[in-house]
N, C-alpha and C. Protein backbone atom coordinates (compact mmCIF):
# COMPACT_ATOMS: atom_id res chain seq x y z
N MET A 1 72.51 30.87 73.06
CA MET A 1 73.25 32.12 72.90
C MET A 1 74.48 31.84 72.02
N ASN A 2 74.57 32.55 70.92
CA ASN A 2 75.68 32.32 70.02
C ASN A 2 76.93 33.07 70.50
N SER A 3 78.02 32.91 69.82
CA SER A 3 79.30 33.50 70.24
C SER A 3 79.27 35.02 70.22
N ARG A 4 78.57 35.60 69.25
CA ARG A 4 78.49 37.06 69.18
C ARG A 4 77.75 37.62 70.39
N GLN A 5 76.66 36.97 70.79
CA GLN A 5 75.90 37.42 71.96
C GLN A 5 76.73 37.29 73.24
N ARG A 6 77.48 36.15 73.31
CA ARG A 6 78.32 35.97 74.50
C ARG A 6 79.38 37.07 74.61
N ARG A 7 79.98 37.43 73.46
CA ARG A 7 80.98 38.52 73.49
C ARG A 7 80.34 39.85 73.92
N GLY A 8 79.11 40.07 73.47
CA GLY A 8 78.41 41.30 73.85
C GLY A 8 78.15 41.37 75.35
N VAL A 9 77.71 40.20 75.91
CA VAL A 9 77.46 40.16 77.35
C VAL A 9 78.74 40.38 78.13
N ILE A 10 79.82 39.74 77.67
CA ILE A 10 81.11 39.90 78.36
C ILE A 10 81.57 41.36 78.32
N LEU A 11 81.43 42.01 77.16
CA LEU A 11 81.83 43.42 77.04
C LEU A 11 80.97 44.31 77.95
N LEU A 12 79.68 43.97 78.01
CA LEU A 12 78.79 44.75 78.87
C LEU A 12 79.20 44.62 80.33
N ILE A 13 79.49 43.38 80.74
CA ILE A 13 79.91 43.16 82.13
C ILE A 13 81.22 43.89 82.43
N LEU A 14 82.16 43.83 81.45
CA LEU A 14 83.43 44.55 81.64
C LEU A 14 83.21 46.05 81.75
N SER A 15 82.29 46.59 80.94
CA SER A 15 81.99 48.03 80.99
C SER A 15 81.43 48.44 82.36
N VAL A 16 80.50 47.57 82.86
CA VAL A 16 79.92 47.86 84.19
C VAL A 16 80.99 47.81 85.26
N LEU A 17 81.90 46.81 85.17
CA LEU A 17 82.97 46.71 86.16
C LEU A 17 83.91 47.91 86.09
N CYS A 18 84.22 48.36 84.87
CA CYS A 18 85.08 49.55 84.72
C CYS A 18 84.40 50.79 85.30
N ALA A 19 83.10 50.92 85.05
CA ALA A 19 82.37 52.07 85.58
C ALA A 19 82.36 52.06 87.10
N LEU A 20 82.12 50.84 87.67
CA LEU A 20 82.14 50.74 89.13
C LEU A 20 83.52 51.06 89.69
N GLY A 21 84.58 50.60 88.98
CA GLY A 21 85.94 50.91 89.42
C GLY A 21 86.22 52.40 89.38
N ALA A 22 85.76 53.08 88.29
CA ALA A 22 85.96 54.54 88.19
C ALA A 22 85.20 55.27 89.28
N PHE A 23 83.95 54.83 89.54
CA PHE A 23 83.15 55.46 90.58
C PHE A 23 83.82 55.30 91.95
N ALA A 24 84.35 54.09 92.20
CA ALA A 24 85.04 53.86 93.46
C ALA A 24 86.28 54.74 93.58
N GLY A 25 86.97 54.93 92.44
CA GLY A 25 88.15 55.81 92.46
C GLY A 25 87.79 57.24 92.78
N VAL A 26 86.68 57.73 92.18
CA VAL A 26 86.23 59.09 92.46
C VAL A 26 85.87 59.25 93.93
N LEU A 27 85.14 58.26 94.48
CA LEU A 27 84.78 58.32 95.89
C LEU A 27 86.03 58.34 96.77
N SER A 28 87.02 57.58 96.37
CA SER A 28 88.26 57.53 97.15
C SER A 28 88.95 58.89 97.14
N VAL A 29 88.99 59.54 95.96
CA VAL A 29 89.63 60.87 95.86
C VAL A 29 88.88 61.90 96.69
N VAL A 30 87.53 61.87 96.59
CA VAL A 30 86.71 62.82 97.36
C VAL A 30 86.92 62.61 98.85
N HIS A 31 86.91 61.34 99.26
CA HIS A 31 87.11 61.04 100.69
C HIS A 31 88.49 61.50 101.15
N ASP A 32 89.49 61.29 100.31
CA ASP A 32 90.85 61.71 100.67
C ASP A 32 90.92 63.23 100.77
N ALA A 33 90.26 63.92 99.83
CA ALA A 33 90.27 65.40 99.86
C ALA A 33 89.56 65.92 101.11
N ASN A 34 88.41 65.29 101.43
CA ASN A 34 87.69 65.72 102.62
C ASN A 34 88.49 65.48 103.89
N SER A 35 89.22 64.37 103.91
CA SER A 35 90.01 64.06 105.10
C SER A 35 91.15 65.04 105.28
N LYS A 36 91.65 65.59 104.16
CA LYS A 36 92.75 66.54 104.23
C LYS A 36 92.26 67.96 104.50
N VAL A 37 91.13 68.32 103.90
CA VAL A 37 90.60 69.69 104.04
C VAL A 37 89.74 69.83 105.28
N GLY A 38 88.87 68.91 105.53
CA GLY A 38 87.99 68.98 106.68
C GLY A 38 86.79 69.86 106.44
N PRO A 39 85.92 69.99 107.44
CA PRO A 39 84.70 70.79 107.30
C PRO A 39 85.02 72.28 107.18
N GLU A 40 84.11 73.01 106.52
CA GLU A 40 84.29 74.44 106.35
C GLU A 40 83.58 75.21 107.47
N VAL A 41 84.12 76.39 107.77
CA VAL A 41 83.52 77.27 108.78
C VAL A 41 83.49 78.69 108.24
N THR A 42 82.77 79.55 108.94
CA THR A 42 82.64 80.95 108.54
C THR A 42 83.84 81.76 109.05
N ALA A 43 84.35 82.64 108.18
CA ALA A 43 85.39 83.60 108.56
C ALA A 43 85.05 84.93 107.90
N TYR A 44 85.82 85.97 108.21
CA TYR A 44 85.52 87.29 107.67
C TYR A 44 86.78 87.93 107.12
N ARG A 45 86.64 88.53 105.93
CA ARG A 45 87.74 89.16 105.24
C ARG A 45 87.49 90.65 105.15
N VAL A 46 88.55 91.45 105.29
CA VAL A 46 88.45 92.91 105.25
C VAL A 46 88.12 93.35 103.82
N ARG A 47 87.07 94.16 103.66
CA ARG A 47 86.65 94.62 102.34
C ARG A 47 87.58 95.71 101.80
N SER A 48 87.81 96.73 102.61
CA SER A 48 88.66 97.86 102.21
C SER A 48 89.45 98.32 103.42
N GLU A 49 90.47 99.10 103.20
CA GLU A 49 91.39 99.48 104.27
C GLU A 49 90.66 100.16 105.43
N VAL A 50 91.00 99.72 106.63
CA VAL A 50 90.44 100.30 107.85
C VAL A 50 91.59 100.93 108.63
N LYS A 51 91.47 102.21 108.94
CA LYS A 51 92.53 102.93 109.63
C LYS A 51 92.60 102.51 111.10
N PRO A 52 93.78 102.65 111.71
CA PRO A 52 93.90 102.32 113.13
C PRO A 52 92.98 103.17 113.99
N TYR A 53 92.47 102.58 115.07
CA TYR A 53 91.63 103.25 116.07
C TYR A 53 90.28 103.68 115.51
N THR A 54 89.90 103.07 114.39
CA THR A 54 88.59 103.33 113.81
C THR A 54 87.55 102.41 114.44
N THR A 55 86.40 102.97 114.79
CA THR A 55 85.32 102.13 115.30
C THR A 55 84.83 101.20 114.20
N LEU A 56 84.65 99.94 114.51
CA LEU A 56 84.34 98.92 113.50
C LEU A 56 82.84 98.69 113.36
N ASP A 57 82.43 98.33 112.14
CA ASP A 57 81.05 97.90 111.91
C ASP A 57 81.06 96.74 110.93
N THR A 58 79.96 96.01 110.88
CA THR A 58 79.91 94.77 110.09
C THR A 58 80.09 95.00 108.60
N GLY A 59 79.72 96.18 108.10
CA GLY A 59 79.82 96.46 106.67
C GLY A 59 81.25 96.52 106.15
N GLN A 60 82.23 96.58 107.04
CA GLN A 60 83.62 96.65 106.62
C GLN A 60 84.22 95.27 106.31
N PHE A 61 83.42 94.20 106.52
CA PHE A 61 83.95 92.86 106.38
C PHE A 61 83.05 91.99 105.51
N GLN A 62 83.68 91.05 104.80
CA GLN A 62 82.98 90.14 103.90
C GLN A 62 82.98 88.73 104.46
N ARG A 63 81.83 88.10 104.48
CA ARG A 63 81.70 86.73 104.99
C ARG A 63 82.22 85.75 103.95
N ILE A 64 83.06 84.82 104.38
CA ILE A 64 83.59 83.79 103.49
C ILE A 64 83.51 82.43 104.20
N ARG A 65 83.72 81.35 103.42
CA ARG A 65 83.78 80.00 103.98
C ARG A 65 85.15 79.43 103.66
N MET A 66 85.75 78.78 104.64
CA MET A 66 87.06 78.17 104.42
C MET A 66 87.22 76.98 105.37
N PRO A 67 88.12 76.03 105.03
CA PRO A 67 88.32 74.87 105.90
C PRO A 67 88.74 75.26 107.31
N ARG A 68 88.15 74.60 108.29
CA ARG A 68 88.45 74.89 109.68
C ARG A 68 89.93 74.71 109.98
N ARG A 69 90.55 73.69 109.39
CA ARG A 69 91.94 73.39 109.71
C ARG A 69 92.89 74.47 109.21
N TRP A 70 92.45 75.29 108.25
CA TRP A 70 93.28 76.38 107.74
C TRP A 70 93.06 77.68 108.48
N LEU A 71 92.14 77.70 109.41
CA LEU A 71 91.80 78.91 110.13
C LEU A 71 92.54 78.96 111.47
N SER A 72 93.14 80.11 111.77
CA SER A 72 93.87 80.25 113.02
C SER A 72 92.90 80.27 114.21
N ASP A 73 93.41 79.95 115.37
CA ASP A 73 92.56 79.88 116.57
C ASP A 73 91.97 81.24 116.94
N ASN A 74 92.66 82.33 116.56
CA ASN A 74 92.17 83.66 116.95
C ASN A 74 91.38 84.35 115.82
N ALA A 75 90.98 83.59 114.80
CA ALA A 75 90.17 84.17 113.73
C ALA A 75 88.78 84.50 114.25
N VAL A 76 88.21 85.60 113.76
CA VAL A 76 86.86 86.00 114.14
C VAL A 76 85.86 85.25 113.28
N THR A 77 84.95 84.54 113.90
CA THR A 77 83.94 83.76 113.18
C THR A 77 82.52 84.27 113.44
N ASP A 78 82.39 85.32 114.23
CA ASP A 78 81.08 85.89 114.54
C ASP A 78 81.23 87.39 114.74
N LEU A 79 80.57 88.18 113.89
CA LEU A 79 80.73 89.65 113.93
C LEU A 79 79.95 90.30 115.05
N ARG A 80 79.16 89.55 115.79
CA ARG A 80 78.42 90.17 116.90
C ARG A 80 79.37 90.70 117.96
N GLY A 81 80.59 90.17 118.00
CA GLY A 81 81.56 90.64 118.98
C GLY A 81 82.25 91.94 118.59
N LEU A 82 81.90 92.52 117.43
CA LEU A 82 82.55 93.77 117.00
C LEU A 82 82.02 95.01 117.71
N ARG A 83 80.88 94.89 118.32
CA ARG A 83 80.25 96.07 118.92
C ARG A 83 81.16 96.67 120.00
N GLY A 84 81.44 97.96 119.86
CA GLY A 84 82.28 98.65 120.83
C GLY A 84 83.77 98.40 120.64
N LYS A 85 84.16 97.83 119.48
CA LYS A 85 85.56 97.52 119.22
C LYS A 85 86.17 98.55 118.27
N ILE A 86 87.48 98.69 118.36
CA ILE A 86 88.22 99.53 117.42
C ILE A 86 89.41 98.74 116.88
N ALA A 87 89.91 99.15 115.72
CA ALA A 87 91.10 98.51 115.14
C ALA A 87 92.34 99.05 115.84
N VAL A 88 93.30 98.15 116.11
CA VAL A 88 94.55 98.59 116.76
C VAL A 88 95.66 98.81 115.75
N THR A 89 95.42 98.42 114.50
CA THR A 89 96.40 98.61 113.44
C THR A 89 95.64 98.77 112.14
N THR A 90 96.33 99.12 111.07
CA THR A 90 95.68 99.23 109.77
C THR A 90 95.23 97.84 109.30
N LEU A 91 93.95 97.72 108.95
CA LEU A 91 93.42 96.47 108.42
C LEU A 91 93.41 96.57 106.90
N HIS A 92 94.19 95.71 106.25
CA HIS A 92 94.34 95.78 104.81
C HIS A 92 93.30 94.93 104.09
N PRO A 93 92.86 95.36 102.90
CA PRO A 93 91.87 94.59 102.14
C PRO A 93 92.35 93.16 101.90
N GLY A 94 91.45 92.20 102.08
CA GLY A 94 91.77 90.80 101.85
C GLY A 94 92.28 90.08 103.08
N SER A 95 92.64 90.82 104.13
CA SER A 95 93.15 90.18 105.34
C SER A 95 92.01 89.51 106.10
N LEU A 96 92.30 88.37 106.71
CA LEU A 96 91.31 87.72 107.57
C LEU A 96 91.26 88.45 108.92
N LEU A 97 90.06 88.70 109.39
CA LEU A 97 89.89 89.39 110.66
C LEU A 97 90.23 88.45 111.82
N GLN A 98 91.10 88.94 112.73
CA GLN A 98 91.51 88.15 113.87
C GLN A 98 91.34 88.98 115.15
N THR A 99 91.19 88.29 116.25
CA THR A 99 90.90 88.98 117.51
C THR A 99 92.04 89.88 117.96
N ASP A 100 93.29 89.58 117.57
CA ASP A 100 94.39 90.43 117.99
C ASP A 100 94.50 91.71 117.17
N MET A 101 93.60 91.88 116.20
CA MET A 101 93.57 93.12 115.41
C MET A 101 92.64 94.17 116.03
N ILE A 102 91.85 93.77 117.03
CA ILE A 102 90.83 94.67 117.58
C ILE A 102 90.89 94.67 119.10
N VAL A 103 90.45 95.79 119.68
CA VAL A 103 90.37 95.91 121.14
C VAL A 103 89.10 96.66 121.50
N ASP A 104 88.74 96.62 122.77
CA ASP A 104 87.58 97.37 123.24
C ASP A 104 87.85 98.87 123.18
N ARG A 105 86.82 99.59 122.80
CA ARG A 105 86.92 101.04 122.82
C ARG A 105 86.98 101.50 124.28
N PRO A 106 87.87 102.47 124.60
CA PRO A 106 87.94 102.95 125.98
C PRO A 106 86.57 103.40 126.48
N ALA A 107 86.25 103.03 127.71
CA ALA A 107 84.92 103.29 128.26
C ALA A 107 84.92 104.45 129.23
N LEU A 108 83.73 105.00 129.46
CA LEU A 108 83.56 106.08 130.44
C LEU A 108 83.66 105.53 131.85
N ARG A 109 84.13 106.38 132.74
CA ARG A 109 84.17 106.05 134.15
C ARG A 109 83.04 106.80 134.87
N PRO A 110 82.69 106.39 136.08
CA PRO A 110 81.62 107.08 136.81
C PRO A 110 81.92 108.58 136.93
N GLY A 111 80.92 109.41 136.66
CA GLY A 111 81.09 110.86 136.74
C GLY A 111 81.60 111.51 135.48
N GLN A 112 81.91 110.71 134.47
CA GLN A 112 82.41 111.27 133.21
C GLN A 112 81.32 111.28 132.15
N GLN A 113 81.53 112.11 131.14
CA GLN A 113 80.65 112.12 129.99
C GLN A 113 81.46 112.20 128.72
N GLU A 114 80.86 111.78 127.64
CA GLU A 114 81.55 111.73 126.35
C GLU A 114 81.29 113.02 125.59
N VAL A 115 82.37 113.70 125.23
CA VAL A 115 82.26 114.98 124.53
C VAL A 115 83.18 114.96 123.33
N ALA A 116 82.67 115.33 122.16
CA ALA A 116 83.46 115.38 120.94
C ALA A 116 83.57 116.82 120.45
N ILE A 117 84.78 117.23 120.06
CA ILE A 117 84.99 118.54 119.46
C ILE A 117 85.87 118.37 118.23
N MET A 118 85.84 119.36 117.34
CA MET A 118 86.66 119.34 116.14
C MET A 118 88.00 120.01 116.44
N ILE A 119 89.09 119.32 116.06
CA ILE A 119 90.44 119.82 116.28
C ILE A 119 91.13 119.98 114.93
N ASP A 120 91.87 121.07 114.78
CA ASP A 120 92.62 121.32 113.55
C ASP A 120 93.48 120.09 113.21
N ALA A 121 93.26 119.52 112.03
CA ALA A 121 93.97 118.30 111.65
C ALA A 121 95.47 118.54 111.49
N ALA A 122 95.87 119.73 111.06
CA ALA A 122 97.28 120.00 110.80
C ALA A 122 98.08 120.22 112.06
N THR A 123 97.51 120.89 113.04
CA THR A 123 98.30 121.28 114.22
C THR A 123 97.85 120.60 115.51
N GLY A 124 96.66 120.01 115.49
CA GLY A 124 96.15 119.50 116.76
C GLY A 124 96.31 118.02 116.98
N VAL A 125 96.56 117.24 115.91
CA VAL A 125 96.56 115.79 116.06
C VAL A 125 97.87 115.19 115.57
N ALA A 126 98.21 115.46 114.33
CA ALA A 126 99.47 115.00 113.72
C ALA A 126 99.62 113.48 113.75
N GLY A 127 98.51 112.74 113.85
CA GLY A 127 98.55 111.29 113.76
C GLY A 127 99.07 110.56 114.97
N LYS A 128 99.41 111.28 116.04
CA LYS A 128 100.02 110.62 117.20
C LYS A 128 99.06 110.43 118.35
N ILE A 129 97.91 111.05 118.29
CA ILE A 129 96.93 110.94 119.37
C ILE A 129 95.93 109.85 118.99
N THR A 130 95.76 108.88 119.87
CA THR A 130 94.93 107.72 119.62
C THR A 130 94.02 107.46 120.82
N PRO A 131 92.99 106.61 120.65
CA PRO A 131 92.15 106.27 121.80
C PRO A 131 92.98 105.75 122.96
N GLY A 132 92.72 106.28 124.15
CA GLY A 132 93.50 105.91 125.33
C GLY A 132 94.60 106.91 125.66
N SER A 133 94.93 107.80 124.71
CA SER A 133 95.95 108.82 124.97
C SER A 133 95.47 109.81 126.02
N ARG A 134 96.43 110.42 126.71
CA ARG A 134 96.15 111.53 127.62
C ARG A 134 96.70 112.80 126.99
N VAL A 135 95.90 113.86 127.02
CA VAL A 135 96.32 115.11 126.39
C VAL A 135 95.98 116.30 127.29
N ASN A 136 96.74 117.37 127.13
CA ASN A 136 96.37 118.66 127.67
C ASN A 136 95.73 119.47 126.55
N VAL A 137 94.66 120.19 126.87
CA VAL A 137 93.93 120.96 125.87
C VAL A 137 94.29 122.43 126.03
N TYR A 138 94.87 123.00 124.97
CA TYR A 138 95.25 124.41 124.95
C TYR A 138 94.27 125.19 124.08
N ALA A 139 94.02 126.44 124.47
CA ALA A 139 93.17 127.32 123.67
C ALA A 139 93.76 128.72 123.68
N THR A 140 93.71 129.39 122.55
CA THR A 140 94.19 130.78 122.47
C THR A 140 92.99 131.69 122.26
N PHE A 141 92.96 132.78 123.04
CA PHE A 141 91.84 133.72 123.00
C PHE A 141 92.35 135.14 122.70
N GLU A 142 91.55 135.89 121.97
CA GLU A 142 91.84 137.30 121.76
C GLU A 142 91.59 138.07 123.06
N GLY A 143 92.22 139.23 123.18
CA GLY A 143 91.95 140.09 124.33
C GLY A 143 90.49 140.48 124.39
N LYS A 144 89.99 140.67 125.60
CA LYS A 144 88.56 140.96 125.76
C LYS A 144 88.17 142.27 125.11
N LYS A 145 89.08 143.22 125.13
CA LYS A 145 88.80 144.49 124.45
C LYS A 145 90.06 144.96 123.76
N GLU A 146 89.93 145.95 122.93
CA GLU A 146 91.06 146.43 122.14
C GLU A 146 92.20 146.87 123.05
N GLY A 147 93.37 146.41 122.77
CA GLY A 147 94.53 146.74 123.59
C GLY A 147 94.88 145.66 124.59
N ASP A 148 93.94 144.80 124.91
CA ASP A 148 94.23 143.69 125.83
C ASP A 148 95.05 142.63 125.10
N PRO A 149 95.99 142.00 125.78
CA PRO A 149 96.84 141.01 125.12
C PRO A 149 96.09 139.71 124.84
N ASP A 150 96.48 139.04 123.76
CA ASP A 150 95.97 137.70 123.50
C ASP A 150 96.54 136.75 124.55
N GLN A 151 95.81 135.68 124.81
CA GLN A 151 96.24 134.73 125.85
C GLN A 151 96.15 133.30 125.35
N SER A 152 97.08 132.49 125.83
CA SER A 152 97.03 131.05 125.62
C SER A 152 96.75 130.41 126.98
N LYS A 153 95.77 129.53 127.02
CA LYS A 153 95.37 128.91 128.28
C LYS A 153 95.35 127.38 128.16
N ILE A 154 95.79 126.74 129.23
CA ILE A 154 95.56 125.30 129.36
C ILE A 154 94.21 125.16 130.06
N ILE A 155 93.22 124.69 129.32
CA ILE A 155 91.88 124.66 129.91
C ILE A 155 91.54 123.31 130.54
N VAL A 156 92.19 122.23 130.08
CA VAL A 156 91.98 120.90 130.66
C VAL A 156 93.31 120.15 130.62
N THR A 157 93.60 119.47 131.72
CA THR A 157 94.82 118.65 131.76
C THR A 157 94.45 117.17 131.85
N ASN A 158 95.31 116.34 131.25
CA ASN A 158 95.15 114.89 131.32
C ASN A 158 93.78 114.40 130.86
N ALA A 159 93.27 115.01 129.80
CA ALA A 159 92.00 114.55 129.24
C ALA A 159 92.22 113.22 128.54
N ARG A 160 91.33 112.27 128.78
CA ARG A 160 91.47 110.94 128.18
C ARG A 160 90.71 110.88 126.86
N VAL A 161 91.41 110.46 125.80
CA VAL A 161 90.81 110.38 124.47
C VAL A 161 90.09 109.04 124.32
N LEU A 162 88.83 109.11 123.90
CA LEU A 162 88.04 107.90 123.67
C LEU A 162 88.07 107.47 122.21
N ASP A 163 88.07 108.45 121.31
CA ASP A 163 87.99 108.10 119.90
C ASP A 163 88.58 109.22 119.05
N VAL A 164 89.18 108.84 117.93
CA VAL A 164 89.70 109.79 116.95
C VAL A 164 89.00 109.48 115.63
N GLY A 165 88.26 110.46 115.11
CA GLY A 165 87.48 110.25 113.90
C GLY A 165 88.30 110.48 112.63
N GLN A 166 87.59 110.54 111.52
CA GLN A 166 88.21 110.75 110.22
C GLN A 166 88.37 112.25 109.94
N ILE A 167 89.41 112.57 109.18
CA ILE A 167 89.63 113.98 108.79
C ILE A 167 88.43 114.46 107.99
N THR A 168 87.93 115.63 108.35
CA THR A 168 86.73 116.18 107.72
C THR A 168 87.05 117.56 107.15
N ALA A 169 86.65 117.80 105.91
CA ALA A 169 86.83 119.11 105.29
C ALA A 169 85.82 120.08 105.89
N LEU A 170 86.29 121.26 106.26
CA LEU A 170 85.42 122.27 106.84
C LEU A 170 84.79 123.12 105.75
N ASP A 171 83.93 124.02 106.17
CA ASP A 171 83.20 124.89 105.25
C ASP A 171 84.19 125.64 104.35
N PRO A 172 84.14 125.45 103.03
CA PRO A 172 85.09 126.13 102.15
C PRO A 172 84.92 127.63 102.11
N ASP A 173 83.78 128.16 102.59
CA ASP A 173 83.55 129.60 102.58
C ASP A 173 84.20 130.32 103.75
N ARG A 174 84.78 129.55 104.67
CA ARG A 174 85.45 130.17 105.81
C ARG A 174 86.68 130.93 105.36
N ASP A 175 87.11 131.87 106.18
CA ASP A 175 88.33 132.62 105.91
C ASP A 175 89.53 131.70 106.12
N LYS A 176 90.19 131.33 105.02
CA LYS A 176 91.28 130.35 105.12
C LYS A 176 92.48 130.90 105.86
N ASN A 177 92.58 132.22 105.96
CA ASN A 177 93.70 132.79 106.70
C ASN A 177 93.50 132.71 108.21
N GLN A 178 92.27 132.48 108.62
CA GLN A 178 91.97 132.48 110.04
C GLN A 178 91.55 131.11 110.57
N GLN A 179 91.02 130.27 109.71
CA GLN A 179 90.47 129.00 110.17
C GLN A 179 91.13 127.83 109.46
N PRO A 180 91.26 126.69 110.12
CA PRO A 180 91.78 125.50 109.45
C PRO A 180 90.80 125.01 108.40
N THR A 181 91.31 124.34 107.36
CA THR A 181 90.45 123.82 106.30
C THR A 181 90.03 122.38 106.55
N GLU A 182 90.77 121.66 107.42
CA GLU A 182 90.42 120.29 107.76
C GLU A 182 90.50 120.10 109.26
N ALA A 183 89.62 119.28 109.79
CA ALA A 183 89.60 119.03 111.23
C ALA A 183 89.28 117.57 111.48
N VAL A 184 89.59 117.14 112.70
CA VAL A 184 89.34 115.77 113.12
C VAL A 184 88.46 115.79 114.36
N PRO A 185 87.37 115.03 114.39
CA PRO A 185 86.57 114.95 115.62
C PRO A 185 87.28 114.09 116.66
N ILE A 186 87.53 114.68 117.82
CA ILE A 186 88.17 113.98 118.92
C ILE A 186 87.15 113.83 120.04
N THR A 187 86.96 112.62 120.52
CA THR A 187 86.01 112.37 121.60
C THR A 187 86.76 112.15 122.91
N PHE A 188 86.36 112.89 123.95
CA PHE A 188 87.02 112.84 125.26
C PHE A 188 86.07 112.26 126.30
N ALA A 189 86.66 111.71 127.35
CA ALA A 189 85.93 111.36 128.57
C ALA A 189 86.24 112.43 129.60
N LEU A 190 85.25 113.27 129.93
CA LEU A 190 85.50 114.44 130.76
C LEU A 190 84.47 114.58 131.87
N SER A 191 84.89 115.28 132.92
CA SER A 191 83.93 115.68 133.96
C SER A 191 83.03 116.77 133.38
N THR A 192 81.98 117.09 134.11
CA THR A 192 81.04 118.12 133.62
C THR A 192 81.74 119.45 133.43
N VAL A 193 82.57 119.85 134.38
CA VAL A 193 83.26 121.15 134.28
C VAL A 193 84.23 121.16 133.10
N ASP A 194 85.01 120.11 132.96
CA ASP A 194 85.95 120.07 131.84
C ASP A 194 85.23 120.00 130.50
N ALA A 195 84.08 119.33 130.45
CA ALA A 195 83.29 119.30 129.22
C ALA A 195 82.83 120.70 128.84
N GLN A 196 82.43 121.49 129.84
CA GLN A 196 82.04 122.88 129.58
C GLN A 196 83.23 123.70 129.07
N ARG A 197 84.40 123.44 129.61
CA ARG A 197 85.59 124.19 129.20
C ARG A 197 85.96 123.93 127.74
N VAL A 198 85.99 122.65 127.34
CA VAL A 198 86.39 122.37 125.96
C VAL A 198 85.30 122.81 124.98
N THR A 199 84.04 122.72 125.38
CA THR A 199 82.95 123.17 124.52
C THR A 199 83.03 124.68 124.31
N TYR A 200 83.31 125.39 125.39
CA TYR A 200 83.45 126.85 125.29
C TYR A 200 84.64 127.20 124.38
N ALA A 201 85.75 126.50 124.57
CA ALA A 201 86.93 126.78 123.76
C ALA A 201 86.68 126.50 122.29
N GLU A 202 85.97 125.43 121.98
CA GLU A 202 85.70 125.13 120.58
C GLU A 202 84.86 126.22 119.94
N SER A 203 83.98 126.82 120.73
CA SER A 203 83.07 127.84 120.19
C SER A 203 83.71 129.21 120.09
N PHE A 204 84.58 129.58 121.05
CA PHE A 204 85.03 130.97 121.13
C PHE A 204 86.54 131.17 121.00
N ALA A 205 87.33 130.12 121.10
CA ALA A 205 88.79 130.29 121.00
C ALA A 205 89.20 130.46 119.54
N GLN A 206 90.32 131.17 119.35
CA GLN A 206 90.87 131.27 118.01
C GLN A 206 91.40 129.92 117.52
N ARG A 207 92.04 129.21 118.40
CA ARG A 207 92.58 127.90 118.09
C ARG A 207 92.45 127.01 119.32
N VAL A 208 92.23 125.72 119.08
CA VAL A 208 92.27 124.71 120.14
C VAL A 208 93.30 123.66 119.70
N ARG A 209 94.26 123.39 120.56
CA ARG A 209 95.31 122.43 120.24
C ARG A 209 95.41 121.39 121.36
N LEU A 210 95.94 120.23 120.98
CA LEU A 210 96.14 119.16 121.95
C LEU A 210 97.63 118.90 122.10
N ALA A 211 98.04 118.68 123.33
CA ALA A 211 99.44 118.32 123.62
C ALA A 211 99.44 116.93 124.24
N LEU A 212 100.13 116.01 123.60
CA LEU A 212 100.17 114.63 124.08
C LEU A 212 100.98 114.55 125.37
N VAL A 213 100.41 113.90 126.38
CA VAL A 213 101.07 113.73 127.67
C VAL A 213 101.76 112.37 127.68
N ALA A 214 103.01 112.33 128.11
CA ALA A 214 103.75 111.07 128.15
C ALA A 214 103.08 110.11 129.13
N PRO A 215 103.06 108.81 128.81
CA PRO A 215 102.45 107.83 129.72
C PRO A 215 103.04 107.92 131.12
N GLY A 216 102.16 107.93 132.12
CA GLY A 216 102.61 108.02 133.51
C GLY A 216 102.80 109.44 134.00
N SER A 217 102.75 110.43 133.09
CA SER A 217 102.94 111.83 133.49
C SER A 217 101.59 112.50 133.63
N GLU A 218 100.93 112.28 134.74
CA GLU A 218 99.59 112.82 134.94
C GLU A 218 99.57 113.90 136.03
N THR A 219 100.68 114.60 136.18
CA THR A 219 100.76 115.69 137.15
C THR A 219 99.98 116.89 136.63
N SER A 220 99.12 117.47 137.45
CA SER A 220 98.34 118.63 137.03
C SER A 220 99.23 119.86 136.90
N VAL A 221 98.80 120.80 136.08
CA VAL A 221 99.55 122.04 135.87
C VAL A 221 99.08 123.08 136.89
N PRO A 222 99.99 123.75 137.64
CA PRO A 222 99.59 124.77 138.60
C PRO A 222 98.80 125.90 137.93
N ASP A 223 97.89 126.50 138.66
CA ASP A 223 97.05 127.56 138.10
C ASP A 223 97.89 128.70 137.53
N LYS A 224 99.02 129.02 138.18
CA LYS A 224 99.84 130.15 137.73
C LYS A 224 100.49 129.88 136.37
N ASP A 225 100.57 128.60 135.99
CA ASP A 225 101.20 128.25 134.71
C ASP A 225 100.19 127.92 133.62
N ARG A 226 98.92 128.12 133.92
CA ARG A 226 97.90 127.75 132.94
C ARG A 226 97.61 128.85 131.92
N THR A 227 98.01 130.09 132.22
CA THR A 227 97.76 131.21 131.31
C THR A 227 99.09 131.81 130.86
N TYR A 228 99.20 132.06 129.56
CA TYR A 228 100.44 132.62 129.02
C TYR A 228 100.12 133.87 128.20
N GLU A 229 100.92 134.94 128.46
CA GLU A 229 100.89 136.15 127.67
C GLU A 229 102.30 136.48 127.25
N LEU A 230 102.46 136.83 125.99
CA LEU A 230 103.79 137.12 125.49
C LEU A 230 104.45 138.27 126.23
N ALA A 231 103.67 139.28 126.59
CA ALA A 231 104.24 140.45 127.25
C ALA A 231 104.82 140.13 128.61
N THR A 232 104.31 139.10 129.27
CA THR A 232 104.78 138.78 130.61
C THR A 232 105.84 137.68 130.62
N ASP A 233 106.20 137.19 129.42
CA ASP A 233 107.20 136.12 129.34
C ASP A 233 108.57 136.69 129.67
N LYS A 234 109.27 136.01 130.55
CA LYS A 234 110.61 136.50 130.97
C LYS A 234 111.67 135.47 130.66
């Protein structure tokens, strides 16, 4: 082997050693990165804004992968637990879904049934009535015959709200001077009799309104105070 061949072999060996050193360096960097980041797990990000007290479904969230060490202990990693849940606050797009953002939807009690009616969005809800609220249901009726006074009645007291839906535009052909243009579906947990009362009021009353009852104030209204006529007001 002449001197030129020996130099070639030496350069080749040096090249192999440099390559092995570079490869070892890359492995070291990857190992260091993995040790700092750790394994990835599934999490869920909010796709678009979700209003408070809205019933949740899987389509509102996007599945992502992120390092476990960067994920909070209360992060949601499985959407199967969303069934029957509602948001307790506004969920903003891009936010990671966490268990403290959601709660169970209020449930029915024995002897109750779930009834939903449409309530005037402008005068009946005003954004303050939420699932779990207690409300009194008022209805105003025309006199039974010409000359009879109109009446306002409390038809149900301390009705428990299960759900508040989205504002819905009503039939544009309705008389706008007599009917609201937007309404919100409100779902109640009611006894059979009270369910009949609110259903009747939704069908035949001029207006149905809700009055929010202060927490702890569940005293029933006496029968003599449930009906109001302007002519008899003193």
